[in-house]
N, C-alpha and C. Protein backbone atom coordinates (compact mmCIF):
# COMPACT_ATOMS: atom_id res chain seq x y z
N MET A 1 0.82 -1.18 0.00
CA MET A 1 0.00 0.00 0.00
C MET A 1 0.87 1.25 0.00
N ARG A 2 1.90 1.23 0.83
CA ARG A 2 2.81 2.36 0.91
C ARG A 2 3.52 2.57 -0.42
N THR A 3 3.90 1.49 -1.08
CA THR A 3 4.56 1.57 -2.38
C THR A 3 3.62 2.17 -3.41
N LEU A 4 2.36 1.80 -3.34
CA LEU A 4 1.36 2.34 -4.26
C LEU A 4 1.24 3.85 -4.11
N PHE A 5 1.15 4.32 -2.87
CA PHE A 5 1.06 5.76 -2.63
C PHE A 5 2.33 6.49 -3.07
N SER A 6 3.47 5.89 -2.82
CA SER A 6 4.74 6.50 -3.23
C SER A 6 4.81 6.61 -4.75
N THR A 7 4.42 5.55 -5.43
CA THR A 7 4.43 5.55 -6.89
C THR A 7 3.46 6.59 -7.43
N LEU A 8 2.29 6.65 -6.84
CA LEU A 8 1.29 7.62 -7.26
C LEU A 8 1.77 9.05 -7.05
N ALA A 9 2.35 9.32 -5.90
CA ALA A 9 2.87 10.66 -5.60
C ALA A 9 3.99 11.04 -6.55
N LEU A 10 4.87 10.09 -6.84
CA LEU A 10 5.98 10.34 -7.74
C LEU A 10 5.47 10.63 -9.15
N THR A 11 4.49 9.88 -9.60
CA THR A 11 3.91 10.09 -10.93
C THR A 11 3.27 11.47 -11.03
N MET A 12 2.54 11.86 -9.99
CA MET A 12 1.89 13.18 -10.00
C MET A 12 2.94 14.29 -10.00
N ALA A 13 3.99 14.12 -9.22
CA ALA A 13 5.04 15.14 -9.16
C ALA A 13 5.73 15.29 -10.51
N MET A 14 5.97 14.19 -11.19
CA MET A 14 6.61 14.24 -12.50
C MET A 14 5.71 14.94 -13.50
N GLY A 15 4.42 14.69 -13.41
CA GLY A 15 3.47 15.36 -14.30
C GLY A 15 3.46 16.86 -14.08
N LEU A 16 3.49 17.28 -12.84
CA LEU A 16 3.51 18.71 -12.53
C LEU A 16 4.81 19.36 -13.00
N MET A 17 5.92 18.65 -12.83
CA MET A 17 7.19 19.20 -13.30
C MET A 17 7.19 19.34 -14.81
N ALA A 18 6.59 18.39 -15.51
CA ALA A 18 6.53 18.46 -16.97
C ALA A 18 5.68 19.65 -17.40
N GLN A 19 4.59 19.91 -16.69
CA GLN A 19 3.75 21.07 -17.00
C GLN A 19 4.53 22.36 -16.79
N ASP A 20 5.27 22.45 -15.70
CA ASP A 20 6.08 23.64 -15.43
C ASP A 20 7.10 23.85 -16.53
N ALA A 21 7.72 22.78 -16.99
CA ALA A 21 8.72 22.90 -18.04
C ALA A 21 8.08 23.40 -19.33
N ASP A 22 6.88 22.92 -19.64
CA ASP A 22 6.18 23.38 -20.84
C ASP A 22 5.86 24.87 -20.73
N MET A 23 5.42 25.29 -19.57
CA MET A 23 5.02 26.68 -19.39
C MET A 23 6.23 27.60 -19.43
N ASP A 24 7.36 27.16 -18.91
CA ASP A 24 8.57 27.98 -18.91
C ASP A 24 9.04 28.26 -20.32
N GLY A 25 9.01 27.27 -21.19
CA GLY A 25 9.51 27.44 -22.54
C GLY A 25 8.53 28.14 -23.47
N LYS A 26 7.30 28.28 -23.06
CA LYS A 26 6.26 28.79 -23.93
C LYS A 26 6.47 30.24 -24.33
N GLY A 27 6.77 31.11 -23.41
CA GLY A 27 6.86 32.52 -23.72
C GLY A 27 8.27 33.05 -23.88
N LYS A 28 9.25 32.20 -23.99
CA LYS A 28 10.63 32.66 -23.99
C LYS A 28 11.34 32.44 -25.31
N LYS A 29 10.60 32.48 -26.40
CA LYS A 29 11.24 32.32 -27.70
C LYS A 29 11.85 33.64 -28.13
N SER A 30 12.94 33.55 -28.83
CA SER A 30 13.59 34.76 -29.34
C SER A 30 12.75 35.33 -30.48
N PRO A 31 12.96 36.60 -30.81
CA PRO A 31 12.22 37.19 -31.93
C PRO A 31 12.44 36.40 -33.23
N GLU A 32 13.65 35.90 -33.41
CA GLU A 32 13.95 35.13 -34.62
C GLU A 32 13.17 33.83 -34.66
N GLU A 33 13.04 33.17 -33.51
CA GLU A 33 12.27 31.92 -33.45
C GLU A 33 10.78 32.19 -33.70
N ARG A 34 10.27 33.26 -33.10
CA ARG A 34 8.87 33.61 -33.32
C ARG A 34 8.62 33.96 -34.78
N ALA A 35 9.56 34.70 -35.38
CA ALA A 35 9.41 35.08 -36.79
C ALA A 35 9.46 33.84 -37.69
N LYS A 36 10.34 32.92 -37.37
CA LYS A 36 10.44 31.68 -38.15
C LYS A 36 9.14 30.89 -38.07
N ASN A 37 8.59 30.77 -36.87
CA ASN A 37 7.31 30.05 -36.70
C ASN A 37 6.20 30.73 -37.47
N ARG A 38 6.14 32.06 -37.38
CA ARG A 38 5.10 32.81 -38.09
C ARG A 38 5.24 32.65 -39.59
N THR A 39 6.48 32.66 -40.08
CA THR A 39 6.73 32.49 -41.51
C THR A 39 6.32 31.10 -41.97
N GLU A 40 6.59 30.09 -41.15
CA GLU A 40 6.20 28.72 -41.50
C GLU A 40 4.67 28.60 -41.59
N ILE A 41 3.98 29.22 -40.66
CA ILE A 41 2.52 29.19 -40.69
C ILE A 41 2.00 29.89 -41.93
N MET A 42 2.56 31.06 -42.21
CA MET A 42 2.13 31.81 -43.39
C MET A 42 2.43 31.05 -44.68
N THR A 43 3.56 30.37 -44.72
CA THR A 43 3.91 29.57 -45.90
C THR A 43 2.87 28.49 -46.14
N LYS A 44 2.49 27.82 -45.06
CA LYS A 44 1.50 26.75 -45.16
C LYS A 44 0.12 27.30 -45.54
N GLU A 45 -0.29 28.38 -44.88
CA GLU A 45 -1.64 28.91 -45.08
C GLU A 45 -1.79 29.65 -46.41
N LEU A 46 -0.73 30.34 -46.85
CA LEU A 46 -0.84 31.20 -48.01
C LEU A 46 -0.15 30.67 -49.26
N GLY A 47 0.61 29.58 -49.13
CA GLY A 47 1.32 29.01 -50.27
C GLY A 47 2.39 29.94 -50.82
N LEU A 48 3.28 30.39 -49.94
CA LEU A 48 4.33 31.33 -50.35
C LEU A 48 5.35 30.68 -51.27
N THR A 49 5.89 31.46 -52.18
CA THR A 49 6.99 30.99 -53.04
C THR A 49 8.29 31.11 -52.24
N PRO A 50 9.35 30.43 -52.68
CA PRO A 50 10.63 30.55 -51.97
C PRO A 50 11.11 32.01 -51.86
N GLU A 51 10.90 32.79 -52.90
CA GLU A 51 11.30 34.20 -52.87
C GLU A 51 10.49 34.97 -51.83
N GLN A 52 9.19 34.69 -51.78
CA GLN A 52 8.32 35.34 -50.80
C GLN A 52 8.70 34.94 -49.38
N ILE A 53 9.06 33.68 -49.19
CA ILE A 53 9.40 33.19 -47.85
C ILE A 53 10.53 34.01 -47.26
N ALA A 54 11.58 34.25 -48.04
CA ALA A 54 12.73 35.01 -47.55
C ALA A 54 12.32 36.44 -47.18
N LYS A 55 11.53 37.07 -48.02
CA LYS A 55 11.10 38.44 -47.75
C LYS A 55 10.15 38.52 -46.57
N VAL A 56 9.22 37.60 -46.50
CA VAL A 56 8.25 37.58 -45.39
C VAL A 56 8.97 37.32 -44.07
N ASN A 57 9.95 36.44 -44.08
CA ASN A 57 10.71 36.16 -42.87
C ASN A 57 11.42 37.42 -42.37
N THR A 58 11.98 38.20 -43.28
CA THR A 58 12.65 39.45 -42.90
C THR A 58 11.65 40.41 -42.25
N VAL A 59 10.47 40.54 -42.84
CA VAL A 59 9.42 41.40 -42.28
C VAL A 59 9.01 40.89 -40.91
N ASN A 60 8.84 39.58 -40.77
CA ASN A 60 8.43 39.00 -39.49
C ASN A 60 9.49 39.19 -38.41
N ILE A 61 10.77 39.10 -38.77
CA ILE A 61 11.84 39.32 -37.80
C ILE A 61 11.82 40.77 -37.32
N THR A 62 11.69 41.70 -38.24
CA THR A 62 11.64 43.12 -37.88
C THR A 62 10.46 43.38 -36.94
N HIS A 63 9.32 42.80 -37.26
CA HIS A 63 8.13 42.99 -36.42
C HIS A 63 8.34 42.37 -35.03
N ALA A 64 8.86 41.17 -34.97
CA ALA A 64 9.06 40.48 -33.69
C ALA A 64 10.05 41.25 -32.81
N ARG A 65 11.09 41.81 -33.41
CA ARG A 65 12.05 42.61 -32.63
C ARG A 65 11.38 43.88 -32.11
N GLY A 66 10.54 44.49 -32.93
CA GLY A 66 9.81 45.68 -32.50
C GLY A 66 8.88 45.38 -31.33
N VAL A 67 8.22 44.23 -31.40
CA VAL A 67 7.32 43.82 -30.31
C VAL A 67 8.13 43.61 -29.03
N ASP A 68 9.31 43.02 -29.16
CA ASP A 68 10.16 42.82 -27.98
C ASP A 68 10.53 44.16 -27.35
N ASP A 69 10.79 45.16 -28.18
CA ASP A 69 11.13 46.49 -27.67
C ASP A 69 9.98 47.10 -26.88
N LEU A 70 8.76 46.74 -27.22
CA LEU A 70 7.58 47.29 -26.53
C LEU A 70 7.38 46.68 -25.14
N LYS A 71 7.93 45.51 -24.90
CA LYS A 71 7.65 44.79 -23.66
C LYS A 71 8.09 45.55 -22.41
N GLY A 72 9.11 46.36 -22.51
CA GLY A 72 9.59 47.08 -21.34
C GLY A 72 8.87 48.39 -21.10
N MET A 73 7.99 48.79 -22.00
CA MET A 73 7.31 50.07 -21.87
C MET A 73 6.24 50.02 -20.79
N THR A 74 6.09 51.12 -20.07
CA THR A 74 5.09 51.17 -19.01
C THR A 74 3.89 52.04 -19.37
N ASP A 75 4.06 52.98 -20.28
CA ASP A 75 2.97 53.85 -20.69
C ASP A 75 2.09 53.10 -21.70
N ASP A 76 0.90 52.69 -21.25
CA ASP A 76 0.01 51.87 -22.09
C ASP A 76 -0.43 52.58 -23.36
N LYS A 77 -0.67 53.88 -23.27
CA LYS A 77 -1.14 54.62 -24.43
C LYS A 77 -0.06 54.63 -25.52
N VAL A 78 1.16 54.94 -25.14
CA VAL A 78 2.27 54.97 -26.09
C VAL A 78 2.53 53.57 -26.63
N LYS A 79 2.46 52.59 -25.74
CA LYS A 79 2.68 51.20 -26.14
C LYS A 79 1.66 50.77 -27.19
N LYS A 80 0.40 51.14 -26.97
CA LYS A 80 -0.68 50.79 -27.89
C LYS A 80 -0.46 51.47 -29.26
N GLU A 81 -0.06 52.75 -29.23
CA GLU A 81 0.19 53.48 -30.47
C GLU A 81 1.35 52.86 -31.26
N ARG A 82 2.41 52.55 -30.57
CA ARG A 82 3.58 51.95 -31.25
C ARG A 82 3.27 50.56 -31.76
N SER A 83 2.47 49.82 -31.01
CA SER A 83 2.07 48.49 -31.44
C SER A 83 1.26 48.57 -32.73
N LYS A 84 0.34 49.51 -32.78
CA LYS A 84 -0.47 49.71 -33.99
C LYS A 84 0.42 50.12 -35.16
N ALA A 85 1.39 51.00 -34.90
CA ALA A 85 2.32 51.43 -35.95
C ALA A 85 3.13 50.25 -36.48
N LEU A 86 3.55 49.36 -35.58
CA LEU A 86 4.29 48.16 -35.99
C LEU A 86 3.43 47.26 -36.87
N ARG A 87 2.18 47.05 -36.46
CA ARG A 87 1.27 46.21 -37.25
C ARG A 87 1.02 46.82 -38.63
N ASP A 88 0.79 48.14 -38.64
CA ASP A 88 0.54 48.82 -39.92
C ASP A 88 1.74 48.71 -40.85
N LYS A 89 2.94 48.87 -40.29
CA LYS A 89 4.17 48.77 -41.08
C LYS A 89 4.32 47.35 -41.63
N ARG A 90 4.08 46.35 -40.78
CA ARG A 90 4.18 44.96 -41.22
C ARG A 90 3.18 44.69 -42.34
N ASP A 91 1.94 45.14 -42.16
CA ASP A 91 0.93 44.91 -43.19
C ASP A 91 1.29 45.61 -44.49
N SER A 92 1.82 46.82 -44.39
CA SER A 92 2.23 47.56 -45.57
C SER A 92 3.36 46.82 -46.30
N ASP A 93 4.33 46.33 -45.55
CA ASP A 93 5.44 45.57 -46.15
C ASP A 93 4.93 44.28 -46.79
N LEU A 94 4.03 43.58 -46.09
CA LEU A 94 3.51 42.33 -46.63
C LEU A 94 2.66 42.55 -47.88
N LYS A 95 1.97 43.67 -47.92
CA LYS A 95 1.15 43.98 -49.09
C LYS A 95 2.02 44.09 -50.34
N GLY A 96 3.25 44.55 -50.18
CA GLY A 96 4.17 44.66 -51.30
C GLY A 96 4.82 43.33 -51.69
N ILE A 97 4.71 42.34 -50.84
CA ILE A 97 5.33 41.03 -51.09
C ILE A 97 4.31 40.01 -51.58
N LEU A 98 3.16 39.98 -50.93
CA LEU A 98 2.13 38.98 -51.24
C LEU A 98 1.31 39.40 -52.45
N THR A 99 0.72 38.41 -53.09
CA THR A 99 -0.23 38.71 -54.15
C THR A 99 -1.50 39.24 -53.49
N ALA A 100 -2.38 39.84 -54.27
CA ALA A 100 -3.63 40.37 -53.74
C ALA A 100 -4.45 39.25 -53.09
N GLU A 101 -4.46 38.07 -53.73
CA GLU A 101 -5.22 36.95 -53.19
C GLU A 101 -4.63 36.47 -51.86
N GLN A 102 -3.30 36.39 -51.80
CA GLN A 102 -2.65 35.95 -50.57
C GLN A 102 -2.91 36.94 -49.43
N PHE A 103 -2.83 38.23 -49.74
CA PHE A 103 -3.05 39.24 -48.71
C PHE A 103 -4.49 39.19 -48.21
N ALA A 104 -5.43 39.04 -49.11
CA ALA A 104 -6.85 38.94 -48.73
C ALA A 104 -7.08 37.70 -47.86
N LYS A 105 -6.45 36.59 -48.23
CA LYS A 105 -6.60 35.36 -47.45
C LYS A 105 -5.99 35.54 -46.05
N MET A 106 -4.84 36.22 -45.98
CA MET A 106 -4.20 36.47 -44.69
C MET A 106 -5.13 37.29 -43.79
N GLU A 107 -5.74 38.34 -44.35
CA GLU A 107 -6.65 39.17 -43.57
C GLU A 107 -7.89 38.37 -43.14
N SER A 108 -8.38 37.53 -44.01
CA SER A 108 -9.54 36.70 -43.69
C SER A 108 -9.21 35.74 -42.54
N LEU A 109 -8.05 35.10 -42.61
CA LEU A 109 -7.63 34.18 -41.55
C LEU A 109 -7.43 34.93 -40.24
N ARG A 110 -6.90 36.14 -40.32
CA ARG A 110 -6.68 36.96 -39.14
C ARG A 110 -8.02 37.29 -38.47
N GLU A 111 -9.02 37.63 -39.26
CA GLU A 111 -10.34 37.95 -38.71
C GLU A 111 -10.98 36.72 -38.06
N LYS A 112 -10.80 35.56 -38.69
CA LYS A 112 -11.35 34.33 -38.10
C LYS A 112 -10.70 34.04 -36.75
N LYS A 113 -9.38 34.23 -36.68
CA LYS A 113 -8.67 33.98 -35.43
C LYS A 113 -9.10 34.96 -34.35
N LYS A 114 -9.34 36.22 -34.74
CA LYS A 114 -9.83 37.21 -33.78
C LYS A 114 -11.20 36.81 -33.25
N ALA A 115 -12.07 36.33 -34.14
CA ALA A 115 -13.41 35.92 -33.74
C ALA A 115 -13.36 34.75 -32.77
N VAL A 116 -12.49 33.79 -33.04
CA VAL A 116 -12.35 32.63 -32.16
C VAL A 116 -11.85 33.08 -30.79
N ALA A 117 -10.85 33.98 -30.78
CA ALA A 117 -10.32 34.47 -29.51
C ALA A 117 -11.38 35.24 -28.74
N LYS A 118 -12.17 36.03 -29.45
CA LYS A 118 -13.24 36.80 -28.80
C LYS A 118 -14.29 35.87 -28.21
N ASP A 119 -14.64 34.82 -28.95
CA ASP A 119 -15.61 33.85 -28.44
C ASP A 119 -15.10 33.16 -27.18
N LYS A 120 -13.83 32.84 -27.17
CA LYS A 120 -13.24 32.20 -25.99
C LYS A 120 -13.29 33.14 -24.80
N LYS A 121 -12.97 34.41 -25.06
CA LYS A 121 -12.98 35.41 -23.99
C LYS A 121 -14.38 35.60 -23.44
N VAL A 122 -15.38 35.67 -24.31
CA VAL A 122 -16.77 35.82 -23.89
C VAL A 122 -17.21 34.59 -23.11
N GLY A 123 -16.79 33.43 -23.57
CA GLY A 123 -17.14 32.18 -22.90
C GLY A 123 -16.56 32.11 -21.49
N LYS A 124 -15.35 32.60 -21.34
CA LYS A 124 -14.72 32.61 -20.01
C LYS A 124 -15.44 33.57 -19.09
N LYS A 125 -15.82 34.75 -19.61
CA LYS A 125 -16.53 35.72 -18.78
C LYS A 125 -17.86 35.15 -18.32
N ALA A 126 -18.59 34.51 -19.21
CA ALA A 126 -19.89 33.93 -18.86
C ALA A 126 -19.73 32.83 -17.83
N HIS A 127 -18.65 32.08 -17.96
CA HIS A 127 -18.39 30.97 -17.04
C HIS A 127 -18.02 31.50 -15.65
N ASN A 128 -17.30 32.60 -15.60
CA ASN A 128 -16.85 33.16 -14.33
C ASN A 128 -17.94 33.91 -13.59
N GLU A 129 -18.99 34.30 -14.26
CA GLU A 129 -20.05 35.08 -13.59
C GLU A 129 -21.01 34.23 -12.83
């Protein structure tokens, strides 16, 4: 019986440590890693050409570095303005790289993801009330 409890406790502890390890690595990617991941997703979703991949990756790296620079800011208003400026610059750069169809598809996918995130947020609020 004692062995059973020890084994059970050890298994639970290992599971919790694995969760902690997952959570630690989740938000600590470098701007280059985040840009690479974003470029891979865009390649898959939009069917980018090899030439487009290189250009899009450069835009994504610039954007990810800019976002990192915002993390230390304390003034929310300025942070929000600069964040919007970064997004606008990225979209402007991407518009020059992607075809009209690819850009439209990217915007459509972005809107769908926003809707899903909003639904999740509304669902959490309803659940918490």
